[in-house]
Amino acid sequence: MSRSLSALRAKLILHLEWEEQPVVTIKETMDILDSSYDRARQVIHRLVRDMWLAPITRPVRASR
């Protein structure tokens, strides 16, 4: 099974790999792709959905 990426998604993944950057924010994605907030968020969402990126979640606090 082959996986392909759109031009924007490929640009982001290549940038992250080249810079050895393990974490990316929406603001950084906006700068890398020269895109709007909504477009950057959509690109990140699709990369997470397609398992190219792993989401970072907040830790769950234990209830008392």
PDB file of N, CA and C in Angstrom:
ATOM      1  N   MET A   1       0.838  -1.179   0.000  1.00  0.00           N
ATOM      2  CA  MET A   1       0.000   0.000   0.000  1.00  0.00           C
ATOM      3  C   MET A   1       0.880   1.239   0.000  1.00  0.00           C
ATOM      4  N   SER A   2       0.726   2.091  -0.977  1.00  0.00           N
ATOM      5  CA  SER A   2       1.529   3.304  -1.031  1.00  0.00           C
ATOM      6  C   SER A   2       0.744   4.465  -0.417  1.00  0.00           C
ATOM      7  N   ARG A   3       1.484   5.380   0.157  1.00  0.00           N
ATOM      8  CA  ARG A   3       0.869   6.570   0.745  1.00  0.00           C
ATOM      9  C   ARG A   3       1.432   7.780   0.033  1.00  0.00           C
ATOM     10  N   SER A   4       0.558   8.683  -0.349  1.00  0.00           N
ATOM     11  CA  SER A   4       1.030   9.884  -1.021  1.00  0.00           C
ATOM     12  C   SER A   4       0.596  11.116  -0.238  1.00  0.00           C
ATOM     13  N   LEU A   5       1.265  12.213  -0.498  1.00  0.00           N
ATOM     14  CA  LEU A   5       0.994  13.460   0.198  1.00  0.00           C
ATOM     15  C   LEU A   5       0.722  14.574  -0.801  1.00  0.00           C
ATOM     16  N   SER A   6      -0.094  15.529  -0.396  1.00  0.00           N
ATOM     17  CA  SER A   6      -0.274  16.727  -1.203  1.00  0.00           C
ATOM     18  C   SER A   6       1.026  17.530  -1.154  1.00  0.00           C
ATOM     19  N   ALA A   7       1.134  18.519  -2.004  1.00  0.00           N
ATOM     20  CA  ALA A   7       2.349  19.336  -2.045  1.00  0.00           C
ATOM     21  C   ALA A   7       2.603  20.034  -0.710  1.00  0.00           C
ATOM     22  N   LEU A   8       1.553  20.579  -0.090  1.00  0.00           N
ATOM     23  CA  LEU A   8       1.732  21.272   1.193  1.00  0.00           C
ATOM     24  C   LEU A   8       2.137  20.308   2.298  1.00  0.00           C
ATOM     25  N   ARG A   9       1.493  19.155   2.348  1.00  0.00           N
ATOM     26  CA  ARG A   9       1.832  18.184   3.390  1.00  0.00           C
ATOM     27  C   ARG A   9       3.267  17.682   3.204  1.00  0.00           C
ATOM     28  N   ALA A  10       3.650  17.429   1.967  1.00  0.00           N
ATOM     29  CA  ALA A  10       5.017  16.976   1.692  1.00  0.00           C
ATOM     30  C   ALA A  10       6.027  18.052   2.075  1.00  0.00           C
ATOM     31  N   LYS A  11       5.710  19.308   1.783  1.00  0.00           N
ATOM     32  CA  LYS A  11       6.610  20.406   2.130  1.00  0.00           C
ATOM     33  C   LYS A  11       6.828  20.474   3.640  1.00  0.00           C
ATOM     34  N   LEU A  12       5.753  20.308   4.400  1.00  0.00           N
ATOM     35  CA  LEU A  12       5.871  20.354   5.859  1.00  0.00           C
ATOM     36  C   LEU A  12       6.683  19.175   6.386  1.00  0.00           C
ATOM     37  N   ILE A  13       6.370  17.983   5.951  1.00  0.00           N
ATOM     38  CA  ILE A  13       7.088  16.792   6.414  1.00  0.00           C
ATOM     39  C   ILE A  13       8.568  16.881   6.048  1.00  0.00           C
ATOM     40  N   LEU A  14       8.883  17.286   4.831  1.00  0.00           N
ATOM     41  CA  LEU A  14      10.287  17.421   4.423  1.00  0.00           C
ATOM     42  C   LEU A  14      11.014  18.460   5.263  1.00  0.00           C
ATOM     43  N   HIS A  15      10.352  19.569   5.554  1.00  0.00           N
ATOM     44  CA  HIS A  15      10.963  20.606   6.386  1.00  0.00           C
ATOM     45  C   HIS A  15      11.263  20.063   7.794  1.00  0.00           C
ATOM     46  N   LEU A  16      10.289  19.384   8.370  1.00  0.00           N
ATOM     47  CA  LEU A  16      10.479  18.840   9.716  1.00  0.00           C
ATOM     48  C   LEU A  16      11.609  17.815   9.748  1.00  0.00           C
ATOM     49  N   GLU A  17      11.678  16.981   8.736  1.00  0.00           N
ATOM     50  CA  GLU A  17      12.760  15.987   8.662  1.00  0.00           C
ATOM     51  C   GLU A  17      14.113  16.670   8.469  1.00  0.00           C
ATOM     52  N   TRP A  18      14.186  17.637   7.570  1.00  0.00           N
ATOM     53  CA  TRP A  18      15.437  18.327   7.268  1.00  0.00           C
ATOM     54  C   TRP A  18      15.978  19.047   8.502  1.00  0.00           C
ATOM     55  N   GLU A  19      15.086  19.693   9.231  1.00  0.00           N
ATOM     56  CA  GLU A  19      15.483  20.440  10.431  1.00  0.00           C
ATOM     57  C   GLU A  19      15.558  19.565  11.675  1.00  0.00           C
ATOM     58  N   GLU A  20      15.239  18.270  11.527  1.00  0.00           N
ATOM     59  CA  GLU A  20      15.204  17.336  12.659  1.00  0.00           C
ATOM     60  C   GLU A  20      14.357  17.913  13.790  1.00  0.00           C
ATOM     61  N   GLN A  21      13.193  18.408  13.417  1.00  0.00           N
ATOM     62  CA  GLN A  21      12.268  19.064  14.342  1.00  0.00           C
ATOM     63  C   GLN A  21      11.185  18.068  14.742  1.00  0.00           C
ATOM     64  N   PRO A  22      11.199  17.594  15.993  1.00  0.00           N
ATOM     65  CA  PRO A  22      10.243  16.557  16.400  1.00  0.00           C
ATOM     66  C   PRO A  22       8.835  17.066  16.703  1.00  0.00           C
ATOM     67  N   VAL A  23       8.689  18.375  16.941  1.00  0.00           N
ATOM     68  CA  VAL A  23       7.394  18.954  17.312  1.00  0.00           C
ATOM     69  C   VAL A  23       7.158  20.188  16.454  1.00  0.00           C
ATOM     70  N   VAL A  24       5.904  20.376  16.044  1.00  0.00           N
ATOM     71  CA  VAL A  24       5.564  21.560  15.256  1.00  0.00           C
ATOM     72  C   VAL A  24       4.255  22.142  15.775  1.00  0.00           C
ATOM     73  N   THR A  25       4.185  23.454  15.809  1.00  0.00           N
ATOM     74  CA  THR A  25       2.963  24.140  16.231  1.00  0.00           C
ATOM     75  C   THR A  25       2.219  24.645  14.993  1.00  0.00           C
ATOM     76  N   ILE A  26       0.995  25.084  15.221  1.00  0.00           N
ATOM     77  CA  ILE A  26       0.230  25.653  14.098  1.00  0.00           C
ATOM     78  C   ILE A  26       0.919  26.914  13.590  1.00  0.00           C
ATOM     79  N   LYS A  27       1.420  27.745  14.496  1.00  0.00           N
ATOM     80  CA  LYS A  27       2.120  28.972  14.093  1.00  0.00           C
ATOM     81  C   LYS A  27       3.346  28.648  13.242  1.00  0.00           C
ATOM     82  N   GLU A  28       4.136  27.671  13.651  1.00  0.00           N
ATOM     83  CA  GLU A  28       5.307  27.275  12.865  1.00  0.00           C
ATOM     84  C   GLU A  28       4.879  26.747  11.497  1.00  0.00           C
ATOM     85  N   THR A  29       3.794  25.977  11.474  1.00  0.00           N
ATOM     86  CA  THR A  29       3.284  25.454  10.206  1.00  0.00           C
ATOM     87  C   THR A  29       2.848  26.594   9.298  1.00  0.00           C
ATOM     88  N   MET A  30       2.206  27.608   9.873  1.00  0.00           N
ATOM     89  CA  MET A  30       1.811  28.781   9.091  1.00  0.00           C
ATOM     90  C   MET A  30       3.036  29.433   8.445  1.00  0.00           C
ATOM     91  N   ASP A  31       4.118  29.549   9.208  1.00  0.00           N
ATOM     92  CA  ASP A  31       5.343  30.164   8.690  1.00  0.00           C
ATOM     93  C   ASP A  31       6.008  29.288   7.633  1.00  0.00           C
ATOM     94  N   ILE A  32       6.080  27.999   7.882  1.00  0.00           N
ATOM     95  CA  ILE A  32       6.729  27.071   6.937  1.00  0.00           C
ATOM     96  C   ILE A  32       5.988  27.040   5.613  1.00  0.00           C
ATOM     97  N   LEU A  33       4.660  26.987   5.685  1.00  0.00           N
ATOM     98  CA  LEU A  33       3.850  26.845   4.471  1.00  0.00           C
ATOM     99  C   LEU A  33       3.370  28.181   3.921  1.00  0.00           C
ATOM    100  N   ASP A  34       3.650  29.273   4.642  1.00  0.00           N
ATOM    101  CA  ASP A  34       3.153  30.592   4.254  1.00  0.00           C
ATOM    102  C   ASP A  34       1.641  30.517   4.009  1.00  0.00           C
ATOM    103  N   SER A  35       0.941  30.036   5.032  1.00  0.00           N
ATOM    104  CA  SER A  35      -0.498  29.817   4.886  1.00  0.00           C
ATOM    105  C   SER A  35      -1.265  30.426   6.050  1.00  0.00           C
ATOM    106  N   SER A  36      -2.571  30.386   5.947  1.00  0.00           N
ATOM    107  CA  SER A  36      -3.444  30.904   6.998  1.00  0.00           C
ATOM    108  C   SER A  36      -3.505  29.922   8.169  1.00  0.00           C
ATOM    109  N   TYR A  37      -4.074  30.395   9.271  1.00  0.00           N
ATOM    110  CA  TYR A  37      -4.262  29.553  10.450  1.00  0.00           C
ATOM    111  C   TYR A  37      -5.113  28.336  10.094  1.00  0.00           C
ATOM    112  N   ASP A  38      -6.244  28.578   9.418  1.00  0.00           N
ATOM    113  CA  ASP A  38      -7.160  27.478   9.085  1.00  0.00           C
ATOM    114  C   ASP A  38      -6.504  26.441   8.186  1.00  0.00           C
ATOM    115  N   ARG A  39      -5.741  26.889   7.198  1.00  0.00           N
ATOM    116  CA  ARG A  39      -5.081  25.954   6.278  1.00  0.00           C
ATOM    117  C   ARG A  39      -4.004  25.157   7.008  1.00  0.00           C
ATOM    118  N   ALA A  40      -3.220  25.818   7.859  1.00  0.00           N
ATOM    119  CA  ALA A  40      -2.171  25.120   8.615  1.00  0.00           C
ATOM    120  C   ALA A  40      -2.786  24.074   9.536  1.00  0.00           C
ATOM    121  N   ARG A  41      -3.875  24.442  10.195  1.00  0.00           N
ATOM    122  CA  ARG A  41      -4.561  23.509  11.087  1.00  0.00           C
ATOM    123  C   ARG A  41      -5.088  22.307  10.315  1.00  0.00           C
ATOM    124  N   GLN A  42      -5.616  22.555   9.141  1.00  0.00           N
ATOM    125  CA  GLN A  42      -6.147  21.471   8.304  1.00  0.00           C
ATOM    126  C   GLN A  42      -5.025  20.525   7.860  1.00  0.00           C
ATOM    127  N   VAL A  43      -3.895  21.083   7.465  1.00  0.00           N
ATOM    128  CA  VAL A  43      -2.756  20.261   7.035  1.00  0.00           C
ATOM    129  C   VAL A  43      -2.292  19.372   8.187  1.00  0.00           C
ATOM    130  N   ILE A  44      -2.145  19.960   9.380  1.00  0.00           N
ATOM    131  CA  ILE A  44      -1.721  19.173  10.536  1.00  0.00           C
ATOM    132  C   ILE A  44      -2.745  18.091  10.860  1.00  0.00           C
ATOM    133  N   HIS A  45      -4.013  18.458  10.850  1.00  0.00           N
ATOM    134  CA  HIS A  45      -5.076  17.488  11.138  1.00  0.00           C
ATOM    135  C   HIS A  45      -5.008  16.297  10.185  1.00  0.00           C
ATOM    136  N   ARG A  46      -4.837  16.565   8.902  1.00  0.00           N
ATOM    137  CA  ARG A  46      -4.789  15.478   7.919  1.00  0.00           C
ATOM    138  C   ARG A  46      -3.535  14.623   8.070  1.00  0.00           C
ATOM    139  N   LEU A  47      -2.424  15.236   8.438  1.00  0.00           N
ATOM    140  CA  LEU A  47      -1.207  14.454   8.664  1.00  0.00           C
ATOM    141  C   LEU A  47      -1.350  13.555   9.888  1.00  0.00           C
ATOM    142  N   VAL A  48      -2.035  14.034  10.915  1.00  0.00           N
ATOM    143  CA  VAL A  48      -2.306  13.201  12.089  1.00  0.00           C
ATOM    144  C   VAL A  48      -3.263  12.082  11.711  1.00  0.00           C
ATOM    145  N   ARG A  49      -4.329  12.426  10.990  1.00  0.00           N
ATOM    146  CA  ARG A  49      -5.318  11.425  10.575  1.00  0.00           C
ATOM    147  C   ARG A  49      -4.677  10.314   9.756  1.00  0.00           C
ATOM    148  N   ASP A  50      -3.754  10.690   8.870  1.00  0.00           N
ATOM    149  CA  ASP A  50      -3.098   9.715   8.000  1.00  0.00           C
ATOM    150  C   ASP A  50      -1.848   9.104   8.630  1.00  0.00           C
ATOM    151  N   MET A  51      -1.628   9.402   9.914  1.00  0.00           N
ATOM    152  CA  MET A  51      -0.539   8.847  10.718  1.00  0.00           C
ATOM    153  C   MET A  51       0.857   9.229  10.243  1.00  0.00           C
ATOM    154  N   TRP A  52       0.995  10.402   9.654  1.00  0.00           N
ATOM    155  CA  TRP A  52       2.315  10.940   9.334  1.00  0.00           C
ATOM    156  C   TRP A  52       2.868  11.678  10.551  1.00  0.00           C
ATOM    157  N   LEU A  53       1.966  12.220  11.373  1.00  0.00           N
ATOM    158  CA  LEU A  53       2.347  12.883  12.614  1.00  0.00           C
ATOM    159  C   LEU A  53       1.560  12.260  13.762  1.00  0.00           C
ATOM    160  N   ALA A  54       2.127  12.331  14.949  1.00  0.00           N
ATOM    161  CA  ALA A  54       1.428  11.852  16.146  1.00  0.00           C
ATOM    162  C   ALA A  54       0.979  13.066  16.946  1.00  0.00           C
ATOM    163  N   PRO A  55      -0.250  13.058  17.419  1.00  0.00           N
ATOM    164  CA  PRO A  55      -0.717  14.199  18.207  1.00  0.00           C
ATOM    165  C   PRO A  55      -0.073  14.216  19.583  1.00  0.00           C
ATOM    166  N   ILE A  56       0.094  15.400  20.106  1.00  0.00           N
ATOM    167  CA  ILE A  56       0.559  15.552  21.481  1.00  0.00           C
ATOM    168  C   ILE A  56      -0.671  15.943  22.285  1.00  0.00           C
ATOM    169  N   THR A  57      -0.945  15.188  23.315  1.00  0.00           N
ATOM    170  CA  THR A  57      -2.127  15.456  24.120  1.00  0.00           C
ATOM    171  C   THR A  57      -1.722  15.892  25.515  1.00  0.00           C
ATOM    172  N   ARG A  58      -2.635  16.558  26.169  1.00  0.00           N
ATOM    173  CA  ARG A  58      -2.383  16.971  27.544  1.00  0.00           C
ATOM    174  C   ARG A  58      -2.472  15.755  28.452  1.00  0.00           C
ATOM    175  N   PRO A  59      -1.648  15.724  29.497  1.00  0.00           N
ATOM    176  CA  PRO A  59      -1.736  14.588  30.426  1.00  0.00           C
ATOM    177  C   PRO A  59      -3.066  14.597  31.149  1.00  0.00           C
ATOM    178  N   VAL A  60      -3.568  13.425  31.428  1.00  0.00           N
ATOM    179  CA  VAL A  60      -4.826  13.286  32.160  1.00  0.00           C
ATOM    180  C   VAL A  60      -4.513  13.276  33.635  1.00  0.00           C
ATOM    181  N   ARG A  61      -5.202  14.135  34.375  1.00  0.00           N
ATOM    182  CA  ARG A  61      -4.973  14.192  35.828  1.00  0.00           C
ATOM    183  C   ARG A  61      -5.795  13.120  36.508  1.00  0.00           C
ATOM    184  N   ALA A  62      -5.211  12.525  37.516  1.00  0.00           N
ATOM    185  CA  ALA A  62      -5.925  11.514  38.301  1.00  0.00           C
ATOM    186  C   ALA A  62      -6.980  12.214  39.152  1.00  0.00           C
ATOM    187  N   SER A  63      -8.138  11.611  39.219  1.00  0.00           N
ATOM    188  CA  SER A  63      -9.195  12.189  40.061  1.00  0.00           C
ATOM    189  C   SER A  63      -8.915  11.876  41.523  1.00  0.00           C
ATOM    190  N   ARG A  64      -9.376  12.724  42.373  1.00  0.00           N
ATOM    191  CA  ARG A  64      -9.100  12.537  43.815  1.00  0.00           C
ATOM    192  C   ARG A  64     -10.218  11.815  44.474  1.00  0.00           C
TER     193      ARG A  64
END
